[in-house]
């Protein structure tokens, strides 16, 4: 999978807000393969806002 453009990547705290879950849940989803984490090991995690939006829509937590 190719890395999305940098303007679509957000840090963990923003990812959690976008989906309406805790940062711990975001980390659990990464370990379970539910979402893709971008960034080098031992560096700041970043997530694709488009992928997060799709998850939020499925969960019914997308911002209106």
C-alpha atoms as a PDB file:
ATOM      1  CA  UNK A   1       0.000   0.000   0.000  1.00  0.00           C
ATOM      2  CA  UNK A   2       1.364   3.404  -0.909  1.00  0.00           C
ATOM      3  CA  UNK A   3       1.504   6.223   1.601  1.00  0.00           C
ATOM      4  CA  UNK A   4      -1.245   8.814   1.161  1.00  0.00           C
ATOM      5  CA  UNK A   5      -0.320  12.466   0.538  1.00  0.00           C
ATOM      6  CA  UNK A   6       0.969  14.206   3.661  1.00  0.00           C
ATOM      7  CA  UNK A   7      -1.989  16.617   3.763  1.00  0.00           C
ATOM      8  CA  UNK A   8      -4.271  13.625   4.488  1.00  0.00           C
ATOM      9  CA  UNK A   9      -2.211  12.306   7.436  1.00  0.00           C
ATOM     10  CA  UNK A  10      -3.208  13.174  10.993  1.00  0.00           C
ATOM     11  CA  UNK A  11      -1.696  12.295  14.392  1.00  0.00           C
ATOM     12  CA  UNK A  12      -3.267   9.817  16.810  1.00  0.00           C
ATOM     13  CA  UNK A  13      -5.175  12.395  18.858  1.00  0.00           C
ATOM     14  CA  UNK A  14      -6.861  13.846  15.757  1.00  0.00           C
ATOM     15  CA  UNK A  15      -7.593  10.345  14.442  1.00  0.00           C
ATOM     16  CA  UNK A  16      -9.349   9.510  17.709  1.00  0.00           C
ATOM     17  CA  UNK A  17     -11.431  12.693  17.561  1.00  0.00           C
ATOM     18  CA  UNK A  18     -12.369  12.063  13.934  1.00  0.00           C
ATOM     19  CA  UNK A  19     -13.804   8.631  14.713  1.00  0.00           C
ATOM     20  CA  UNK A  20     -15.152   9.416  18.186  1.00  0.00           C
ATOM     21  CA  UNK A  21     -13.002   6.926  20.099  1.00  0.00           C
ATOM     22  CA  UNK A  22     -10.063   7.104  22.490  1.00  0.00           C
ATOM     23  CA  UNK A  23      -6.417   7.145  21.432  1.00  0.00           C
ATOM     24  CA  UNK A  24      -6.087   3.715  23.072  1.00  0.00           C
ATOM     25  CA  UNK A  25      -8.788   2.393  20.725  1.00  0.00           C
ATOM     26  CA  UNK A  26      -6.897   3.760  17.715  1.00  0.00           C
ATOM     27  CA  UNK A  27      -3.783   1.906  18.896  1.00  0.00           C
ATOM     28  CA  UNK A  28      -5.816  -1.309  19.394  1.00  0.00           C
ATOM     29  CA  UNK A  29      -7.253  -1.011  15.890  1.00  0.00           C
ATOM     30  CA  UNK A  30      -3.722  -0.709  14.496  1.00  0.00           C
ATOM     31  CA  UNK A  31      -2.574  -3.842  16.325  1.00  0.00           C
ATOM     32  CA  UNK A  32      -5.654  -5.723  15.044  1.00  0.00           C
ATOM     33  CA  UNK A  33      -5.126  -4.545  11.464  1.00  0.00           C
ATOM     34  CA  UNK A  34      -8.357  -2.539  11.309  1.00  0.00           C
ATOM     35  CA  UNK A  35      -6.564   0.675  10.286  1.00  0.00           C
ATOM     36  CA  UNK A  36      -3.222   1.498   8.706  1.00  0.00           C
ATOM     37  CA  UNK A  37      -0.521   3.290  10.672  1.00  0.00           C
ATOM     38  CA  UNK A  38       1.968   5.410   8.765  1.00  0.00           C
ATOM     39  CA  UNK A  39       5.345   6.502  10.123  1.00  0.00           C
ATOM     40  CA  UNK A  40       8.633   4.847  10.943  1.00  0.00           C
ATOM     41  CA  UNK A  41       8.884   2.538  13.968  1.00  0.00           C
ATOM     42  CA  UNK A  42       9.446   4.462  17.204  1.00  0.00           C
ATOM     43  CA  UNK A  43       8.204   7.648  15.522  1.00  0.00           C
ATOM     44  CA  UNK A  44       4.974   9.577  15.632  1.00  0.00           C
ATOM     45  CA  UNK A  45       2.047   7.588  14.271  1.00  0.00           C
ATOM     46  CA  UNK A  46      -0.043   9.117  11.527  1.00  0.00           C
ATOM     47  CA  UNK A  47      -3.314   7.988   9.982  1.00  0.00           C
ATOM     48  CA  UNK A  48      -5.114   8.665   6.707  1.00  0.00           C
ATOM     49  CA  UNK A  49      -8.111  10.932   7.358  1.00  0.00           C
ATOM     50  CA  UNK A  50      -9.940   9.360   4.384  1.00  0.00           C
ATOM     51  CA  UNK A  51      -9.667   5.896   5.941  1.00  0.00           C
ATOM     52  CA  UNK A  52     -10.823   7.304   9.284  1.00  0.00           C
ATOM     53  CA  UNK A  53     -13.796   9.032   7.651  1.00  0.00           C
ATOM     54  CA  UNK A  54     -14.920   5.741   6.131  1.00  0.00           C
ATOM     55  CA  UNK A  55     -14.714   4.040   9.527  1.00  0.00           C
ATOM     56  CA  UNK A  56     -16.640   6.880  11.182  1.00  0.00           C
ATOM     57  CA  UNK A  57     -19.367   6.639   8.537  1.00  0.00           C
ATOM     58  CA  UNK A  58     -19.732   2.882   9.127  1.00  0.00           C
ATOM     59  CA  UNK A  59     -19.879   3.472  12.881  1.00  0.00           C
ATOM     60  CA  UNK A  60     -22.346   6.340  12.516  1.00  0.00           C
ATOM     61  CA  UNK A  61     -19.933   8.759  14.217  1.00  0.00           C
ATOM     62  CA  UNK A  62     -18.958  10.870  11.208  1.00  0.00           C
ATOM     63  CA  UNK A  63     -19.025  14.627  11.875  1.00  0.00           C
ATOM     64  CA  UNK A  64     -22.057  16.358  10.368  1.00  0.00           C
END
